[in-house]
Amino acid sequence: MPNDREHGGAEVLLASQLWPAVLIPAGALATLVAAGIWLMPSFPFAPAGLLLATVVVAWSQRGDALLADEAGLLVRHRGRVTRRYHWEEIREAELTRPGFGQVALAVYPHGGPWDVPGPNSAVLVGRVWRLRMPDREIQDRIHALLRSRGVRTTH
């Protein structure tokens, strides 16, 4: 999956993985609901609601991806591809975990010291659903691509 290319020539750096992001919370939700049948008066509505929300959000963002082409970074969100940053606008970048089950690229663009986003504060680009960080091979490939385009990495 990470070495795939879009029909426009863009390389897929990170893509949402639907099965762990939906099936694991859905399995926990099913177990919780089955246990809740026995505990009917004290059914745990809050955890069930959080699990259901996780499943719905992950399902709605199942096709999201971070892409790269010769001009810069692209983001595919809900089937629509948009340009985020050109390579010359990016000073530094690193993979990060912005929340539960998500991976994104933290991009530090050029600018003044008080610009937001800027060289001292990142913007998260290409948030995708993955329960774990990508394996070392994918991380190394992403870092090598960034460095080949003149972007510093923390790796």
N, C-alpha and C. Protein backbone atom coordinates (compact mmCIF):
# COMPACT_ATOMS: atom_id res chain seq x y z
N MET A 1 0.81 -1.20 0.00
CA MET A 1 0.00 0.00 0.00
C MET A 1 0.85 1.26 0.00
N PRO A 2 1.90 1.43 0.82
CA PRO A 2 2.64 2.67 0.84
C PRO A 2 3.38 2.98 -0.45
N ASN A 3 3.73 1.98 -1.27
CA ASN A 3 4.44 2.23 -2.50
C ASN A 3 3.50 2.45 -3.68
N ASP A 4 2.22 2.45 -3.45
CA ASP A 4 1.25 2.67 -4.52
C ASP A 4 1.38 4.08 -5.06
N ARG A 5 0.94 4.24 -6.29
CA ARG A 5 0.90 5.56 -6.90
C ARG A 5 -0.53 5.86 -7.32
N GLU A 6 -0.92 7.10 -7.12
CA GLU A 6 -2.22 7.56 -7.59
C GLU A 6 -2.13 7.73 -9.10
N HIS A 7 -3.29 7.85 -9.75
CA HIS A 7 -3.27 7.97 -11.20
C HIS A 7 -2.63 9.27 -11.67
N GLY A 8 -2.51 10.27 -10.81
CA GLY A 8 -1.85 11.53 -11.17
C GLY A 8 -0.35 11.49 -10.99
N GLY A 9 0.22 10.35 -10.58
CA GLY A 9 1.65 10.23 -10.39
C GLY A 9 2.11 10.48 -8.95
N ALA A 10 1.18 10.78 -8.06
CA ALA A 10 1.55 11.03 -6.66
C ALA A 10 1.78 9.72 -5.93
N GLU A 11 2.80 9.68 -5.10
CA GLU A 11 3.12 8.51 -4.31
C GLU A 11 2.37 8.56 -2.98
N VAL A 12 1.81 7.44 -2.56
CA VAL A 12 1.09 7.36 -1.29
C VAL A 12 2.12 7.15 -0.18
N LEU A 13 2.24 8.14 0.72
CA LEU A 13 3.16 8.03 1.85
C LEU A 13 2.49 7.31 3.01
N LEU A 14 1.30 7.75 3.38
CA LEU A 14 0.53 7.15 4.46
C LEU A 14 -0.92 7.02 4.01
N ALA A 15 -1.56 5.94 4.37
CA ALA A 15 -2.97 5.75 4.04
C ALA A 15 -3.69 5.17 5.25
N SER A 16 -4.96 5.51 5.37
CA SER A 16 -5.76 4.97 6.47
C SER A 16 -5.87 3.47 6.35
N GLN A 17 -5.80 2.81 7.48
CA GLN A 17 -6.01 1.36 7.55
C GLN A 17 -7.35 1.15 8.22
N LEU A 18 -8.32 0.71 7.45
CA LEU A 18 -9.67 0.61 7.96
C LEU A 18 -9.85 -0.52 8.96
N TRP A 19 -9.26 -1.67 8.71
CA TRP A 19 -9.58 -2.83 9.54
C TRP A 19 -9.22 -2.64 11.01
N PRO A 20 -8.05 -2.14 11.39
CA PRO A 20 -7.83 -2.00 12.84
C PRO A 20 -8.58 -0.82 13.42
N ALA A 21 -8.76 0.24 12.63
CA ALA A 21 -9.40 1.45 13.15
C ALA A 21 -10.90 1.26 13.35
N VAL A 22 -11.51 0.37 12.63
CA VAL A 22 -12.95 0.15 12.76
C VAL A 22 -13.24 -1.16 13.48
N LEU A 23 -12.57 -2.23 13.10
CA LEU A 23 -12.92 -3.54 13.64
C LEU A 23 -12.60 -3.70 15.13
N ILE A 24 -11.49 -3.15 15.58
CA ILE A 24 -11.15 -3.29 17.00
C ILE A 24 -12.15 -2.54 17.88
N PRO A 25 -12.44 -1.24 17.62
CA PRO A 25 -13.48 -0.58 18.41
C PRO A 25 -14.86 -1.20 18.22
N ALA A 26 -15.17 -1.68 17.00
CA ALA A 26 -16.47 -2.31 16.77
C ALA A 26 -16.59 -3.61 17.57
N GLY A 27 -15.50 -4.39 17.65
CA GLY A 27 -15.50 -5.60 18.47
C GLY A 27 -15.67 -5.29 19.94
N ALA A 28 -14.99 -4.24 20.41
CA ALA A 28 -15.14 -3.83 21.81
C ALA A 28 -16.56 -3.35 22.07
N LEU A 29 -17.14 -2.63 21.10
CA LEU A 29 -18.52 -2.16 21.24
C LEU A 29 -19.50 -3.33 21.30
N ALA A 30 -19.31 -4.32 20.43
CA ALA A 30 -20.19 -5.49 20.44
C ALA A 30 -20.09 -6.24 21.76
N THR A 31 -18.87 -6.38 22.28
CA THR A 31 -18.67 -7.04 23.57
C THR A 31 -19.34 -6.25 24.69
N LEU A 32 -19.19 -4.93 24.64
CA LEU A 32 -19.80 -4.07 25.65
C LEU A 32 -21.33 -4.14 25.60
N VAL A 33 -21.89 -4.15 24.40
CA VAL A 33 -23.34 -4.23 24.26
C VAL A 33 -23.84 -5.59 24.74
N ALA A 34 -23.11 -6.67 24.39
CA ALA A 34 -23.51 -8.00 24.86
C ALA A 34 -23.47 -8.07 26.38
N ALA A 35 -22.44 -7.49 26.99
CA ALA A 35 -22.37 -7.47 28.45
C ALA A 35 -23.44 -6.56 29.02
N GLY A 36 -23.77 -5.50 28.28
CA GLY A 36 -24.79 -4.56 28.74
C GLY A 36 -26.18 -5.16 28.80
N ILE A 37 -26.43 -6.18 27.99
CA ILE A 37 -27.73 -6.86 28.04
C ILE A 37 -27.92 -7.49 29.41
N TRP A 38 -26.84 -8.04 29.97
CA TRP A 38 -26.91 -8.64 31.30
C TRP A 38 -26.98 -7.56 32.38
N LEU A 39 -26.40 -6.38 32.11
CA LEU A 39 -26.34 -5.31 33.10
C LEU A 39 -27.31 -4.19 32.74
N MET A 40 -28.46 -4.53 32.23
CA MET A 40 -29.37 -3.56 31.64
C MET A 40 -29.55 -2.27 32.45
N PRO A 41 -29.83 -2.29 33.73
CA PRO A 41 -30.04 -1.02 34.43
C PRO A 41 -28.78 -0.15 34.50
N SER A 42 -27.63 -0.80 34.52
CA SER A 42 -26.40 -0.02 34.64
C SER A 42 -25.56 -0.13 33.36
N PHE A 43 -26.22 -0.06 32.21
CA PHE A 43 -25.53 -0.16 30.93
C PHE A 43 -24.53 1.00 30.79
N PRO A 44 -23.30 0.72 30.41
CA PRO A 44 -22.27 1.77 30.30
C PRO A 44 -22.44 2.59 29.01
N PHE A 45 -23.32 3.59 29.06
CA PHE A 45 -23.63 4.38 27.88
C PHE A 45 -22.44 5.22 27.39
N ALA A 46 -21.68 5.80 28.30
CA ALA A 46 -20.57 6.66 27.89
C ALA A 46 -19.50 5.88 27.12
N PRO A 47 -19.00 4.75 27.62
CA PRO A 47 -18.00 4.01 26.82
C PRO A 47 -18.58 3.51 25.50
N ALA A 48 -19.83 3.08 25.51
CA ALA A 48 -20.45 2.61 24.27
C ALA A 48 -20.56 3.75 23.26
N GLY A 49 -20.89 4.95 23.74
CA GLY A 49 -20.98 6.11 22.86
C GLY A 49 -19.62 6.49 22.27
N LEU A 50 -18.58 6.43 23.09
CA LEU A 50 -17.23 6.75 22.60
C LEU A 50 -16.76 5.73 21.56
N LEU A 51 -17.04 4.47 21.82
CA LEU A 51 -16.65 3.44 20.85
C LEU A 51 -17.42 3.61 19.55
N LEU A 52 -18.71 3.91 19.64
CA LEU A 52 -19.51 4.12 18.44
C LEU A 52 -19.01 5.34 17.66
N ALA A 53 -18.67 6.41 18.36
CA ALA A 53 -18.13 7.60 17.69
C ALA A 53 -16.81 7.30 17.00
N THR A 54 -15.96 6.50 17.63
CA THR A 54 -14.68 6.11 17.02
C THR A 54 -14.91 5.34 15.73
N VAL A 55 -15.86 4.40 15.75
CA VAL A 55 -16.16 3.60 14.57
C VAL A 55 -16.70 4.49 13.45
N VAL A 56 -17.61 5.40 13.77
CA VAL A 56 -18.20 6.28 12.75
C VAL A 56 -17.15 7.19 12.12
N VAL A 57 -16.30 7.81 12.94
CA VAL A 57 -15.26 8.71 12.42
C VAL A 57 -14.26 7.93 11.57
N ALA A 58 -13.81 6.79 12.05
CA ALA A 58 -12.84 5.98 11.29
C ALA A 58 -13.45 5.53 9.96
N TRP A 59 -14.70 5.13 9.97
CA TRP A 59 -15.36 4.70 8.74
C TRP A 59 -15.50 5.86 7.76
N SER A 60 -15.82 7.04 8.25
CA SER A 60 -16.00 8.19 7.36
C SER A 60 -14.67 8.66 6.76
N GLN A 61 -13.56 8.37 7.42
CA GLN A 61 -12.25 8.80 6.92
C GLN A 61 -11.43 7.63 6.37
N ARG A 62 -12.11 6.59 5.92
CA ARG A 62 -11.43 5.37 5.50
C ARG A 62 -10.54 5.54 4.27
N GLY A 63 -10.78 6.50 3.41
CA GLY A 63 -9.98 6.66 2.20
C GLY A 63 -8.93 7.75 2.30
N ASP A 64 -8.70 8.30 3.48
CA ASP A 64 -7.76 9.40 3.64
C ASP A 64 -6.33 8.93 3.42
N ALA A 65 -5.50 9.83 2.88
CA ALA A 65 -4.10 9.48 2.63
C ALA A 65 -3.26 10.74 2.52
N LEU A 66 -1.98 10.58 2.79
CA LEU A 66 -0.98 11.62 2.57
C LEU A 66 -0.19 11.21 1.34
N LEU A 67 -0.12 12.10 0.37
CA LEU A 67 0.52 11.82 -0.91
C LEU A 67 1.66 12.80 -1.15
N ALA A 68 2.59 12.41 -2.00
CA ALA A 68 3.69 13.30 -2.38
C ALA A 68 3.90 13.18 -3.89
N ASP A 69 4.15 14.31 -4.52
CA ASP A 69 4.54 14.31 -5.92
C ASP A 69 5.75 15.20 -6.08
N GLU A 70 6.14 15.50 -7.29
CA GLU A 70 7.36 16.29 -7.51
C GLU A 70 7.22 17.73 -7.02
N ALA A 71 6.00 18.23 -6.83
CA ALA A 71 5.80 19.62 -6.40
C ALA A 71 5.66 19.77 -4.89
N GLY A 72 5.13 18.75 -4.20
CA GLY A 72 4.96 18.88 -2.76
C GLY A 72 4.03 17.83 -2.18
N LEU A 73 3.42 18.18 -1.05
CA LEU A 73 2.53 17.27 -0.33
C LEU A 73 1.08 17.49 -0.74
N LEU A 74 0.37 16.39 -0.89
CA LEU A 74 -1.05 16.40 -1.20
C LEU A 74 -1.77 15.62 -0.10
N VAL A 75 -3.03 15.97 0.14
CA VAL A 75 -3.85 15.25 1.11
C VAL A 75 -5.13 14.79 0.41
N ARG A 76 -5.44 13.50 0.56
CA ARG A 76 -6.71 12.98 0.07
C ARG A 76 -7.62 12.83 1.28
N HIS A 77 -8.70 13.58 1.30
CA HIS A 77 -9.66 13.55 2.41
C HIS A 77 -11.06 13.42 1.83
N ARG A 78 -11.71 12.30 2.18
CA ARG A 78 -13.06 11.99 1.70
C ARG A 78 -13.16 12.04 0.18
N GLY A 79 -12.14 11.49 -0.46
CA GLY A 79 -12.14 11.36 -1.91
C GLY A 79 -11.66 12.58 -2.68
N ARG A 80 -11.37 13.67 -2.00
CA ARG A 80 -10.92 14.90 -2.66
C ARG A 80 -9.44 15.13 -2.38
N VAL A 81 -8.65 15.36 -3.41
CA VAL A 81 -7.21 15.57 -3.25
C VAL A 81 -6.92 17.08 -3.34
N THR A 82 -6.21 17.59 -2.33
CA THR A 82 -5.85 19.01 -2.32
C THR A 82 -4.36 19.16 -2.05
N ARG A 83 -3.79 20.21 -2.62
CA ARG A 83 -2.37 20.52 -2.39
C ARG A 83 -2.24 21.18 -1.03
N ARG A 84 -1.32 20.73 -0.20
CA ARG A 84 -1.12 21.34 1.11
C ARG A 84 0.12 22.23 1.14
N TYR A 85 1.27 21.67 0.81
CA TYR A 85 2.51 22.44 0.85
C TYR A 85 3.39 22.07 -0.32
N HIS A 86 4.07 23.08 -0.88
CA HIS A 86 5.11 22.84 -1.86
C HIS A 86 6.39 22.55 -1.09
N TRP A 87 7.30 21.81 -1.71
CA TRP A 87 8.52 21.41 -1.02
C TRP A 87 9.32 22.61 -0.52
N GLU A 88 9.35 23.69 -1.30
CA GLU A 88 10.16 24.85 -0.90
C GLU A 88 9.54 25.61 0.28
N GLU A 89 8.30 25.33 0.63
CA GLU A 89 7.66 25.98 1.77
C GLU A 89 7.94 25.26 3.10
N ILE A 90 8.45 24.04 3.02
CA ILE A 90 8.62 23.21 4.22
C ILE A 90 10.06 23.30 4.71
N ARG A 91 10.22 23.65 5.97
CA ARG A 91 11.55 23.74 6.59
C ARG A 91 11.94 22.39 7.21
N GLU A 92 10.98 21.77 7.93
CA GLU A 92 11.24 20.53 8.65
C GLU A 92 9.93 19.75 8.75
N ALA A 93 10.03 18.42 8.87
CA ALA A 93 8.84 17.58 9.00
C ALA A 93 9.19 16.32 9.78
N GLU A 94 8.17 15.75 10.46
CA GLU A 94 8.35 14.51 11.21
C GLU A 94 7.01 13.81 11.37
N LEU A 95 7.06 12.49 11.47
CA LEU A 95 5.84 11.72 11.73
C LEU A 95 5.46 11.88 13.20
N THR A 96 4.16 11.97 13.46
CA THR A 96 3.71 12.14 14.84
C THR A 96 2.37 11.44 15.03
N ARG A 97 1.99 11.27 16.30
CA ARG A 97 0.70 10.65 16.67
C ARG A 97 -0.16 11.73 17.31
N PRO A 98 -1.08 12.34 16.56
CA PRO A 98 -1.89 13.42 17.11
C PRO A 98 -3.02 12.97 18.02
N GLY A 99 -3.38 11.72 18.00
CA GLY A 99 -4.47 11.24 18.83
C GLY A 99 -4.62 9.74 18.71
N PHE A 100 -5.64 9.22 19.36
CA PHE A 100 -5.89 7.78 19.34
C PHE A 100 -6.07 7.27 17.92
N GLY A 101 -5.27 6.30 17.53
CA GLY A 101 -5.42 5.65 16.24
C GLY A 101 -5.09 6.51 15.04
N GLN A 102 -4.32 7.56 15.22
CA GLN A 102 -4.02 8.45 14.11
C GLN A 102 -2.52 8.67 13.97
N VAL A 103 -2.10 8.91 12.73
CA VAL A 103 -0.73 9.27 12.40
C VAL A 103 -0.81 10.44 11.44
N ALA A 104 0.09 11.40 11.59
CA ALA A 104 0.13 12.57 10.71
C ALA A 104 1.58 12.99 10.50
N LEU A 105 1.77 13.88 9.55
CA LEU A 105 3.07 14.47 9.32
C LEU A 105 3.04 15.87 9.91
N ALA A 106 3.90 16.13 10.89
CA ALA A 106 4.01 17.46 11.48
C ALA A 106 4.96 18.26 10.60
N VAL A 107 4.44 19.32 9.98
CA VAL A 107 5.20 20.14 9.04
C VAL A 107 5.50 21.49 9.67
N TYR A 108 6.77 21.85 9.67
CA TYR A 108 7.21 23.16 10.15
C TYR A 108 7.56 24.00 8.91
N PRO A 109 6.67 24.90 8.47
CA PRO A 109 6.97 25.69 7.27
C PRO A 109 7.94 26.83 7.58
N HIS A 110 8.52 27.39 6.51
CA HIS A 110 9.38 28.56 6.65
C HIS A 110 8.54 29.73 7.14
N GLY A 111 9.17 30.70 7.72
CA GLY A 111 8.48 31.89 8.19
C GLY A 111 9.22 32.51 9.34
N GLY A 112 8.58 33.52 9.94
CA GLY A 112 9.17 34.20 11.08
C GLY A 112 9.00 33.41 12.35
N PRO A 113 9.72 33.78 13.41
CA PRO A 113 9.67 33.01 14.66
C PRO A 113 8.30 33.04 15.34
N TRP A 114 7.44 34.00 15.02
CA TRP A 114 6.13 34.07 15.67
C TRP A 114 4.99 33.68 14.74
N ASP A 115 5.32 33.19 13.56
CA ASP A 115 4.27 32.74 12.63
C ASP A 115 3.68 31.43 13.13
N VAL A 116 2.38 31.30 12.98
CA VAL A 116 1.70 30.06 13.34
C VAL A 116 0.87 29.62 12.14
N PRO A 117 1.11 28.50 11.50
CA PRO A 117 2.26 27.63 11.73
C PRO A 117 3.53 28.28 11.19
N GLY A 118 4.63 27.85 11.71
CA GLY A 118 5.91 28.41 11.31
C GLY A 118 7.04 27.52 11.77
N PRO A 119 8.25 28.06 11.79
CA PRO A 119 9.40 27.22 12.14
C PRO A 119 9.39 26.75 13.59
N ASN A 120 8.60 27.39 14.44
CA ASN A 120 8.54 27.00 15.85
C ASN A 120 7.24 26.29 16.23
N SER A 121 6.29 26.23 15.32
CA SER A 121 5.04 25.53 15.60
C SER A 121 4.57 24.81 14.33
N ALA A 122 4.25 23.55 14.50
CA ALA A 122 3.92 22.69 13.36
C ALA A 122 2.44 22.74 13.02
N VAL A 123 2.15 22.33 11.81
CA VAL A 123 0.79 22.07 11.38
C VAL A 123 0.74 20.58 11.01
N LEU A 124 -0.34 19.91 11.40
CA LEU A 124 -0.48 18.48 11.11
C LEU A 124 -1.08 18.30 9.73
N VAL A 125 -0.39 17.56 8.89
CA VAL A 125 -0.80 17.36 7.51
C VAL A 125 -1.05 15.88 7.29
N GLY A 126 -2.16 15.55 6.67
CA GLY A 126 -2.43 14.17 6.29
C GLY A 126 -2.74 13.25 7.43
N ARG A 127 -3.64 13.64 8.29
CA ARG A 127 -4.04 12.80 9.43
C ARG A 127 -4.75 11.55 8.89
N VAL A 128 -4.20 10.37 9.18
CA VAL A 128 -4.79 9.11 8.73
C VAL A 128 -5.03 8.19 9.92
N TRP A 129 -5.96 7.26 9.76
CA TRP A 129 -6.29 6.30 10.81
C TRP A 129 -5.38 5.09 10.73
N ARG A 130 -4.53 4.94 11.74
CA ARG A 130 -3.66 3.77 11.90
C ARG A 130 -3.50 3.56 13.39
N LEU A 131 -3.72 2.35 13.87
CA LEU A 131 -3.57 2.11 15.29
C LEU A 131 -2.12 2.17 15.74
N ARG A 132 -1.20 1.79 14.85
CA ARG A 132 0.22 1.81 15.19
C ARG A 132 0.95 2.74 14.24
N MET A 133 2.12 3.19 14.68
CA MET A 133 2.98 3.95 13.77
C MET A 133 3.38 3.02 12.62
N PRO A 134 3.65 3.59 11.46
CA PRO A 134 4.14 2.75 10.36
C PRO A 134 5.43 2.05 10.74
N ASP A 135 5.68 0.90 10.14
CA ASP A 135 6.90 0.17 10.48
C ASP A 135 8.15 0.95 10.05
N ARG A 136 9.29 0.51 10.51
CA ARG A 136 10.55 1.22 10.31
C ARG A 136 10.85 1.43 8.82
N GLU A 137 10.54 0.45 7.98
CA GLU A 137 10.81 0.56 6.55
C GLU A 137 10.03 1.73 5.92
N ILE A 138 8.76 1.85 6.27
CA ILE A 138 7.93 2.94 5.74
C ILE A 138 8.42 4.28 6.28
N GLN A 139 8.74 4.33 7.57
CA GLN A 139 9.27 5.58 8.14
C GLN A 139 10.56 6.00 7.46
N ASP A 140 11.46 5.04 7.23
CA ASP A 140 12.72 5.36 6.56
C ASP A 140 12.49 5.86 5.14
N ARG A 141 11.53 5.25 4.44
CA ARG A 141 11.22 5.68 3.07
C ARG A 141 10.66 7.10 3.06
N ILE A 142 9.78 7.42 4.02
CA ILE A 142 9.22 8.77 4.10
C ILE A 142 10.31 9.78 4.43
N HIS A 143 11.18 9.46 5.39
CA HIS A 143 12.27 10.37 5.75
C HIS A 143 13.23 10.56 4.58
N ALA A 144 13.53 9.49 3.84
CA ALA A 144 14.42 9.60 2.68
C ALA A 144 13.80 10.49 1.60
N LEU A 145 12.50 10.35 1.37
CA LEU A 145 11.82 11.19 0.39
C LEU A 145 11.86 12.65 0.81
N LEU A 146 11.59 12.91 2.10
CA LEU A 146 11.62 14.29 2.59
C LEU A 146 13.02 14.89 2.45
N ARG A 147 14.04 14.14 2.83
CA ARG A 147 15.41 14.65 2.73
C ARG A 147 15.81 14.87 1.27
N SER A 148 15.33 14.01 0.35
CA SER A 148 15.67 14.19 -1.07
C SER A 148 15.04 15.45 -1.64
N ARG A 149 14.01 15.94 -1.00
CA ARG A 149 13.34 17.17 -1.44
C ARG A 149 13.83 18.40 -0.68
N GLY A 150 14.86 18.24 0.15
CA GLY A 150 15.44 19.36 0.88
C GLY A 150 14.75 19.70 2.19
N VAL A 151 13.98 18.75 2.72
CA VAL A 151 13.27 18.96 3.99
C VAL A 151 14.04 18.27 5.10
N ARG A 152 14.34 19.00 6.18
CA ARG A 152 15.01 18.39 7.33
C ARG A 152 14.04 17.48 8.06
N THR A 153 14.56 16.41 8.63
CA THR A 153 13.76 15.50 9.45
C THR A 153 14.45 15.31 10.79
N THR A 154 13.70 14.85 11.77
CA THR A 154 14.28 14.59 13.09
C THR A 154 14.78 13.17 13.22
N HIS A 155 14.66 12.39 12.18
CA HIS A 155 15.07 10.97 12.18
C HIS A 155 16.50 10.84 11.80
